[in-house]
């Protein structure tokens, strides 16, 4: 028969003198500081105490606290209770905390041949190519996909690579995903193949065999919202819900200043100069720019920071609404904000990422008479050639200078 504490995971177990026992109070405080609710903290502490007892019963010392032990405990617990999704993550966060405090040693897991190759490739990209971490992650993503598709579950026989493998991969990306994805894959593969040749893992210069993917400048049209649609999105996001209000501030920054998703993610409290009414923007390539803070954006931002932003030690401006209260992990979080806002407004947009508002701002500026150099300055394009694509959306102006088709009506 189960005890009362077994039936109710929020009722604390009788404290056992296990290896983790003395570290539980500090872990409890850390959960509170990161914004977890009392009920959630109670459950997590109960879980850690149960794990502590499990380790004590098996006479496992502190240095035996490893990922393997976590998995063993989760399997043991699943036989008796319903498995909770975040149980393993809770124990991993405690393990990481103890490792950072040098209470538990870091144990390097046995790396596969692919992982070892990627580690060396990442070091090459960082030290010899000077790529930024974001670019390194993208190169690793594309090259891992190529190698996994090529070798599947078999050995990583790099000497077997040939030009046909590379061409097939690029063509598949262009056909199934997009030409842009194929170009990214080609760029990453060239770097990988140069690295493999330099390190002696392949003999043939396969980098020269990577095909070029056609990239016609200004071949597409920027996808954008009409001004009335932007107003509708902002109006539908003007609600009492704290999350929606936070999202509205993000939407204002996208719509009024044309910020990129990554720039919103990286924005810190120190980037706001309230006296000067300016924002410091951390752009591409580590570039820092200052933009004026419009009155409506500043007012919404101040309200969010004073009334809605969860109390935490993180210096990022925009914080996760659910615990742990920390900054967004990546740009995808801002894209999700945009997707939610478009659904609220009932708009079926041509694309649903944060760049939609950047394109909309540029398009509206052009139609209001702004020059290409003015648009480039606001969008912080390093080359005005990047801005030239917006000329294609001013259809009225294009019609006025277009010559009639031979044999057609002028």
Protein backbone atom coordinates (compact mmCIF):
# COMPACT_ATOMS: atom_id res chain seq x y z
CA UNK A 1 0.00 0.00 0.00
CA UNK A 2 1.38 3.42 -0.98
CA UNK A 3 2.06 6.01 1.70
CA UNK A 4 0.50 9.47 1.64
CA UNK A 5 3.76 11.00 0.35
CA UNK A 6 3.85 8.47 -2.51
CA UNK A 7 0.38 9.46 -3.59
CA UNK A 8 1.05 13.19 -3.30
CA UNK A 9 4.46 14.17 -4.75
CA UNK A 10 4.25 17.63 -3.19
CA UNK A 11 4.38 16.19 0.33
CA UNK A 12 8.00 16.10 1.45
CA UNK A 13 9.58 12.73 2.16
CA UNK A 14 11.29 12.11 5.46
CA UNK A 15 14.77 13.52 4.97
CA UNK A 16 17.38 10.86 4.37
CA UNK A 17 21.08 11.31 4.93
CA UNK A 18 21.98 10.66 1.29
CA UNK A 19 24.88 12.18 -0.65
CA UNK A 20 22.72 15.03 -2.00
CA UNK A 21 20.99 15.88 1.27
CA UNK A 22 23.06 18.93 2.24
CA UNK A 23 22.77 20.49 -1.25
CA UNK A 24 18.96 20.40 -1.44
CA UNK A 25 18.32 23.73 0.43
CA UNK A 26 20.61 25.64 -1.96
CA UNK A 27 18.90 23.99 -4.95
CA UNK A 28 15.51 24.97 -3.52
CA UNK A 29 16.60 28.61 -3.22
CA UNK A 30 17.86 28.60 -6.80
CA UNK A 31 14.46 27.39 -8.04
CA UNK A 32 12.71 30.20 -6.17
CA UNK A 33 15.14 32.77 -7.60
CA UNK A 34 14.42 31.55 -11.11
CA UNK A 35 10.69 32.14 -10.72
CA UNK A 36 9.23 28.66 -10.21
CA UNK A 37 5.93 28.46 -8.36
CA UNK A 38 5.70 27.02 -4.84
CA UNK A 39 3.87 23.92 -6.10
CA UNK A 40 6.47 23.33 -8.81
CA UNK A 41 9.33 23.79 -6.33
CA UNK A 42 7.68 21.35 -3.92
CA UNK A 43 7.45 18.70 -6.65
CA UNK A 44 11.05 19.19 -7.81
CA UNK A 45 12.39 19.03 -4.25
CA UNK A 46 10.37 15.87 -3.64
CA UNK A 47 11.90 14.37 -6.78
CA UNK A 48 15.46 15.26 -5.72
CA UNK A 49 14.88 13.78 -2.24
CA UNK A 50 13.56 10.60 -3.81
CA UNK A 51 16.66 10.44 -6.01
CA UNK A 52 18.83 11.08 -2.94
CA UNK A 53 17.21 8.14 -1.13
CA UNK A 54 17.61 5.96 -4.22
CA UNK A 55 21.35 6.75 -4.32
CA UNK A 56 21.69 6.08 -0.56
CA UNK A 57 19.95 2.72 -0.82
CA UNK A 58 22.39 1.69 -3.55
CA UNK A 59 25.38 3.13 -1.67
CA UNK A 60 26.21 5.49 -4.52
CA UNK A 61 28.65 8.22 -3.51
CA UNK A 62 28.52 11.83 -4.70
CA UNK A 63 30.95 11.16 -7.56
CA UNK A 64 28.52 8.52 -8.78
CA UNK A 65 25.99 11.26 -9.60
CA UNK A 66 26.10 11.04 -13.41
CA UNK A 67 23.79 11.15 -16.39
CA UNK A 68 23.77 7.35 -16.35
CA UNK A 69 22.49 7.37 -12.74
CA UNK A 70 19.77 9.83 -13.68
CA UNK A 71 18.55 7.52 -16.43
CA UNK A 72 18.62 4.55 -14.05
CA UNK A 73 16.54 6.40 -11.48
CA UNK A 74 14.02 7.58 -14.10
CA UNK A 75 13.52 3.98 -15.29
CA UNK A 76 13.13 2.82 -11.68
CA UNK A 77 10.62 5.55 -10.91
CA UNK A 78 8.60 4.94 -14.09
CA UNK A 79 7.81 1.41 -12.85
CA UNK A 80 6.07 2.78 -9.74
CA UNK A 81 4.69 6.20 -10.69
CA UNK A 82 3.55 8.03 -13.78
CA UNK A 83 6.51 9.53 -15.58
CA UNK A 84 6.69 13.32 -15.58
CA UNK A 85 8.21 14.95 -18.63
CA UNK A 86 10.56 17.30 -16.77
CA UNK A 87 11.93 14.84 -14.18
CA UNK A 88 15.20 14.12 -15.96
CA UNK A 89 15.70 17.81 -16.76
CA UNK A 90 15.31 18.69 -13.06
CA UNK A 91 18.00 16.21 -12.04
CA UNK A 92 20.26 17.34 -14.88
CA UNK A 93 19.98 20.95 -13.72
CA UNK A 94 21.07 19.87 -10.21
CA UNK A 95 23.95 17.86 -11.70
CA UNK A 96 25.08 20.86 -13.75
CA UNK A 97 24.89 23.08 -10.69
CA UNK A 98 27.07 20.71 -8.66
CA UNK A 99 29.53 20.35 -11.53
CA UNK A 100 29.89 24.13 -11.82
CA UNK A 101 30.55 24.26 -8.05
CA UNK A 102 33.24 21.52 -8.47
CA UNK A 103 31.30 19.23 -6.12
CA UNK A 104 30.92 16.64 -8.88
CA UNK A 105 33.53 16.07 -11.61
CA UNK A 106 32.66 16.53 -15.25
CA UNK A 107 32.68 13.18 -17.03
CA UNK A 108 33.24 13.41 -20.76
CA UNK A 109 30.85 10.99 -22.48
CA UNK A 110 32.34 8.67 -25.05
CA UNK A 111 32.21 10.52 -28.34
CA UNK A 112 31.23 8.95 -31.63
CA UNK A 113 33.45 9.34 -34.67
CA UNK A 114 31.00 11.89 -36.07
CA UNK A 115 31.03 13.92 -32.84
CA UNK A 116 34.84 13.90 -32.79
CA UNK A 117 34.93 15.07 -36.39
CA UNK A 118 32.45 17.86 -35.66
CA UNK A 119 34.46 18.97 -32.64
CA UNK A 120 37.61 19.31 -34.75
CA UNK A 121 35.66 21.04 -37.55
CA UNK A 122 34.16 23.53 -35.07
CA UNK A 123 37.65 24.33 -33.76
CA UNK A 124 38.87 24.86 -37.35
CA UNK A 125 35.96 27.20 -38.14
CA UNK A 126 36.54 29.22 -34.98
CA UNK A 127 40.33 29.44 -34.88
CA UNK A 128 41.31 29.40 -38.56
CA UNK A 129 38.24 30.80 -40.27
CA UNK A 130 37.27 33.22 -37.49
CA UNK A 131 33.55 32.43 -37.74
CA UNK A 132 31.13 33.60 -35.08
CA UNK A 133 29.37 30.97 -32.89
CA UNK A 134 26.07 31.32 -34.74
CA UNK A 135 27.75 30.65 -38.11
CA UNK A 136 29.66 27.71 -36.64
CA UNK A 137 26.39 26.15 -35.43
CA UNK A 138 24.87 26.54 -38.90
CA UNK A 139 27.89 24.92 -40.59
CA UNK A 140 27.80 22.04 -38.11
CA UNK A 141 24.07 21.55 -38.67
CA UNK A 142 24.41 21.30 -42.47
CA UNK A 143 27.52 19.12 -42.48
CA UNK A 144 26.11 16.73 -39.88
CA UNK A 145 23.00 16.29 -42.00
CA UNK A 146 25.16 15.50 -45.04
CA UNK A 147 27.33 12.96 -43.20
CA UNK A 148 24.38 11.25 -41.50
CA UNK A 149 22.54 10.90 -44.82
CA UNK A 150 25.66 9.62 -46.58
CA UNK A 151 26.85 7.06 -44.01
CA UNK A 152 23.62 6.33 -42.07
CA UNK A 153 24.46 3.83 -39.31
CA UNK A 154 27.63 2.61 -40.98
CA UNK A 155 31.23 3.61 -40.24
CA UNK A 156 32.39 7.14 -41.09
CA UNK A 157 34.53 6.17 -44.11
CA UNK A 158 35.52 9.64 -45.27
CA UNK A 159 37.85 8.28 -47.97
CA UNK A 160 34.76 6.96 -49.78
CA UNK A 161 33.31 10.44 -50.31
CA UNK A 162 33.03 11.45 -53.95
CA UNK A 163 31.69 14.24 -56.13
CA UNK A 164 28.44 12.37 -56.83
CA UNK A 165 27.59 12.29 -53.12
CA UNK A 166 28.02 16.04 -52.90
CA UNK A 167 26.02 16.88 -56.03
CA UNK A 168 23.14 14.62 -54.96
CA UNK A 169 23.01 16.31 -51.55
CA UNK A 170 22.94 19.84 -53.01
CA UNK A 171 20.28 18.94 -55.58
CA UNK A 172 18.13 17.32 -52.90
CA UNK A 173 18.31 20.46 -50.75
CA UNK A 174 17.37 22.68 -53.70
CA UNK A 175 14.47 20.45 -54.74
CA UNK A 176 12.99 19.55 -51.35
CA UNK A 177 13.79 22.60 -49.19
CA UNK A 178 14.81 25.71 -51.15
CA UNK A 179 17.62 27.16 -53.28
CA UNK A 180 18.69 29.20 -50.25
CA UNK A 181 19.06 26.02 -48.17
CA UNK A 182 21.10 24.48 -50.99
CA UNK A 183 23.43 27.50 -51.04
CA UNK A 184 23.92 27.25 -47.28
CA UNK A 185 24.64 23.53 -47.57
CA UNK A 186 27.15 24.15 -50.39
CA UNK A 187 29.01 26.79 -48.39
CA UNK A 188 29.23 24.53 -45.33
CA UNK A 189 30.35 21.53 -47.39
CA UNK A 190 33.16 23.49 -49.04
CA UNK A 191 34.54 24.38 -45.62
CA UNK A 192 34.19 20.82 -44.35
CA UNK A 193 35.93 19.33 -47.38
CA UNK A 194 38.80 21.83 -47.13
CA UNK A 195 39.16 20.91 -43.45
CA UNK A 196 39.17 17.19 -44.26
CA UNK A 197 41.83 17.64 -46.94
CA UNK A 198 44.02 19.83 -44.72
CA UNK A 199 43.82 17.29 -41.89
CA UNK A 200 44.69 14.41 -44.24
CA UNK A 201 41.35 12.61 -43.92
CA UNK A 202 40.71 12.86 -47.67
CA UNK A 203 43.21 13.20 -50.53
CA UNK A 204 41.10 14.57 -53.40
CA UNK A 205 40.18 18.27 -53.49
CA UNK A 206 36.43 17.67 -53.25
CA UNK A 207 35.78 21.26 -52.20
CA UNK A 208 36.34 22.26 -55.82
CA UNK A 209 33.64 19.75 -56.87
CA UNK A 210 30.88 21.39 -54.80
CA UNK A 211 28.47 22.87 -57.38
CA UNK A 212 27.46 26.52 -57.28
CA UNK A 213 23.78 27.20 -56.69
CA UNK A 214 22.25 29.93 -58.86
CA UNK A 215 21.55 33.09 -56.92
CA UNK A 216 20.15 35.85 -59.10
CA UNK A 217 20.29 39.20 -57.35
CA UNK A 218 16.89 40.75 -56.66
CA UNK A 219 15.13 37.75 -58.23
CA UNK A 220 12.37 37.63 -55.65
CA UNK A 221 9.87 40.02 -54.14
CA UNK A 222 9.99 40.95 -50.45
CA UNK A 223 7.00 39.59 -48.55
CA UNK A 224 5.24 42.21 -46.45
CA UNK A 225 2.03 43.31 -44.73
CA UNK A 226 -0.08 46.27 -45.77
CA UNK A 227 -0.13 49.22 -43.31
CA UNK A 228 -3.71 48.42 -42.24
CA UNK A 229 -2.68 44.82 -41.52
CA UNK A 230 0.20 45.98 -39.31
CA UNK A 231 -2.23 48.22 -37.40
CA UNK A 232 -4.65 45.30 -37.01
CA UNK A 233 -1.91 43.04 -35.60
CA UNK A 234 -0.95 45.70 -33.03
CA UNK A 235 -4.58 46.42 -32.12
CA UNK A 236 -5.39 42.73 -31.59
CA UNK A 237 -2.32 42.48 -29.35
CA UNK A 238 -3.52 45.26 -27.04
CA UNK A 239 -4.94 43.05 -24.26
CA UNK A 240 -4.65 42.72 -20.50
CA UNK A 241 -2.82 39.40 -20.74
CA UNK A 242 0.80 40.00 -19.56
CA UNK A 243 2.25 37.69 -22.23
CA UNK A 244 0.30 39.42 -25.00
CA UNK A 245 1.42 42.81 -23.67
CA UNK A 246 5.05 41.67 -23.70
CA UNK A 247 4.57 40.36 -27.24
CA UNK A 248 3.09 43.74 -28.28
CA UNK A 249 6.29 45.51 -27.24
CA UNK A 250 8.27 43.09 -29.39
CA UNK A 251 5.89 43.68 -32.30
CA UNK A 252 6.29 47.45 -31.93
CA UNK A 253 10.08 47.13 -32.12
CA UNK A 254 9.71 44.99 -35.25
CA UNK A 255 7.15 47.27 -36.90
CA UNK A 256 8.51 50.71 -35.95
CA UNK A 257 12.27 50.09 -36.04
CA UNK A 258 12.54 47.08 -38.35
CA UNK A 259 14.68 45.13 -35.91
CA UNK A 260 15.82 41.60 -36.64
CA UNK A 261 14.68 38.76 -34.36
CA UNK A 262 18.24 38.17 -33.07
CA UNK A 263 18.58 41.86 -32.20
CA UNK A 264 15.51 41.67 -29.98
CA UNK A 265 16.76 38.49 -28.31
CA UNK A 266 20.17 40.07 -27.55
CA UNK A 267 18.82 43.41 -26.29
CA UNK A 268 19.86 44.17 -22.68
CA UNK A 269 18.67 46.65 -20.09
CA UNK A 270 21.87 48.64 -20.59
CA UNK A 271 21.04 49.14 -24.27
CA UNK A 272 18.20 51.53 -23.41
CA UNK A 273 19.22 55.17 -22.94
CA UNK A 274 16.09 56.73 -21.49
CA UNK A 275 17.55 60.25 -21.25
CA UNK A 276 18.68 60.36 -24.87
CA UNK A 277 15.67 58.35 -26.08
CA UNK A 278 17.91 55.88 -27.93
CA UNK A 279 18.35 52.15 -28.31
CA UNK A 280 21.71 50.47 -28.90
CA UNK A 281 21.20 47.67 -31.40
CA UNK A 282 23.57 44.70 -31.57
CA UNK A 283 23.47 43.93 -35.25
CA UNK A 284 25.12 41.50 -37.63
CA UNK A 285 28.85 40.94 -37.34
CA UNK A 286 29.00 42.52 -33.89
CA UNK A 287 28.02 45.93 -35.29
CA UNK A 288 26.59 48.41 -32.76
CA UNK A 289 24.10 51.04 -33.94
CA UNK A 290 21.96 53.60 -32.17
CA UNK A 291 18.34 54.17 -33.18
CA UNK A 292 15.88 56.75 -31.83
CA UNK A 293 13.22 55.30 -29.54
CA UNK A 294 9.74 56.34 -30.80
CA UNK A 295 7.40 57.64 -28.12
CA UNK A 296 4.81 54.87 -28.39
CA UNK A 297 7.50 52.19 -28.34
CA UNK A 298 9.24 53.78 -25.35
CA UNK A 299 5.97 54.06 -23.43
CA UNK A 300 5.10 50.39 -24.05
CA UNK A 301 8.64 49.30 -23.21
CA UNK A 302 8.66 51.25 -19.94
CA UNK A 303 5.31 49.73 -18.92
CA UNK A 304 6.60 46.23 -19.63
CA UNK A 305 9.78 46.76 -17.62
CA UNK A 306 7.99 48.35 -14.64
CA UNK A 307 4.84 46.26 -14.45
CA UNK A 308 5.16 43.00 -16.38
CA UNK A 309 8.76 41.80 -16.62
CA UNK A 310 9.34 38.92 -14.14
CA UNK A 311 11.85 39.78 -11.37
CA UNK A 312 15.13 38.03 -12.16
CA UNK A 313 18.88 38.57 -12.36
CA UNK A 314 18.99 38.24 -16.16
CA UNK A 315 19.97 41.49 -17.97
CA UNK A 316 18.09 40.65 -21.16
CA UNK A 317 15.12 42.94 -21.81
CA UNK A 318 12.68 40.22 -22.85
CA UNK A 319 12.24 37.33 -20.44
CA UNK A 320 10.44 34.01 -20.70
CA UNK A 321 7.01 34.18 -19.09
CA UNK A 322 7.32 30.69 -17.61
CA UNK A 323 10.07 29.60 -15.23
CA UNK A 324 12.98 29.59 -15.45
CA UNK A 325 12.83 33.36 -15.93
CA UNK A 326 15.66 34.00 -18.36
CA UNK A 327 16.15 35.46 -21.82
CA UNK A 328 14.86 33.86 -25.01
CA UNK A 329 17.11 31.04 -26.16
CA UNK A 330 17.18 32.08 -29.84
CA UNK A 331 15.46 33.96 -32.66
CA UNK A 332 12.79 31.26 -33.05
CA UNK A 333 11.09 32.63 -29.91
CA UNK A 334 10.49 35.97 -31.68
CA UNK A 335 9.16 34.17 -34.75
CA UNK A 336 6.66 32.39 -32.47
CA UNK A 337 5.57 35.78 -31.08
CA UNK A 338 4.87 36.92 -34.66
CA UNK A 339 2.98 33.73 -35.50
CA UNK A 340 0.74 34.12 -32.43
CA UNK A 341 0.03 37.75 -33.31
CA UNK A 342 -0.91 36.94 -36.90
CA UNK A 343 -3.32 34.24 -35.68
CA UNK A 344 -4.94 36.68 -33.26
CA UNK A 345 -5.45 39.13 -36.12
CA UNK A 346 -6.74 36.43 -38.47
CA UNK A 347 -4.11 37.29 -41.10
CA UNK A 348 -2.84 34.61 -43.46
CA UNK A 349 0.54 36.19 -44.19
CA UNK A 350 2.85 35.19 -47.08
CA UNK A 351 5.51 34.35 -44.48
CA UNK A 352 5.27 34.12 -40.71
CA UNK A 353 8.71 35.12 -39.44
CA UNK A 354 9.89 38.29 -37.72
CA UNK A 355 11.41 39.60 -40.98
CA UNK A 356 7.86 40.12 -42.29
CA UNK A 357 7.63 43.37 -40.28
CA UNK A 358 11.08 44.52 -41.40
CA UNK A 359 10.01 44.16 -45.02
CA UNK A 360 6.70 45.87 -44.27
CA UNK A 361 8.45 48.90 -42.74
CA UNK A 362 10.82 49.27 -45.70
CA UNK A 363 7.98 48.93 -48.21
CA UNK A 364 5.87 51.56 -46.45
CA UNK A 365 8.83 53.97 -46.18
CA UNK A 366 9.41 53.64 -49.93
CA UNK A 367 5.78 54.36 -50.75
CA UNK A 368 5.87 57.40 -48.45
CA UNK A 369 8.73 58.84 -50.48
CA UNK A 370 11.81 57.72 -48.55
CA UNK A 371 14.97 57.27 -50.58
CA UNK A 372 16.90 54.01 -50.80
CA UNK A 373 19.73 55.51 -48.73
CA UNK A 374 17.25 56.50 -45.98
CA UNK A 375 15.76 53.00 -45.91
CA UNK A 376 19.25 51.46 -45.84
CA UNK A 377 20.15 53.67 -42.88
CA UNK A 378 17.08 52.64 -40.87
CA UNK A 379 17.51 48.94 -41.68
CA UNK A 380 21.28 49.26 -41.08
CA UNK A 381 22.21 47.60 -44.35
CA UNK A 382 25.96 47.69 -44.89
CA UNK A 383 25.39 47.89 -48.65
CA UNK A 384 22.60 49.79 -50.41
CA UNK A 385 22.47 46.91 -52.90
CA UNK A 386 20.70 44.92 -50.18
CA UNK A 387 18.01 47.60 -50.05
CA UNK A 388 17.49 47.68 -53.82
CA UNK A 389 15.01 44.79 -53.74
CA UNK A 390 12.39 47.09 -52.19
CA UNK A 391 12.25 49.15 -55.38
CA UNK A 392 10.38 46.24 -56.95
CA UNK A 393 7.38 46.68 -54.65
CA UNK A 394 6.71 50.25 -55.83
CA UNK A 395 4.66 48.99 -58.76
CA UNK A 396 3.16 52.39 -59.63
CA UNK A 397 6.60 53.90 -60.13
CA UNK A 398 7.78 50.88 -62.09
CA UNK A 399 4.78 51.10 -64.45
CA UNK A 400 5.53 54.77 -65.15
CA UNK A 401 9.01 53.96 -66.46
CA UNK A 402 8.26 50.58 -68.06
CA UNK A 403 8.23 50.38 -71.86
CA UNK A 404 5.23 48.68 -73.48
CA UNK A 405 5.70 45.10 -74.64
CA UNK A 406 6.30 44.96 -78.42
CA UNK A 407 2.96 44.55 -80.11
CA UNK A 408 1.09 45.33 -76.89
CA UNK A 409 -0.88 48.31 -75.65
CA UNK A 410 1.13 51.20 -74.19
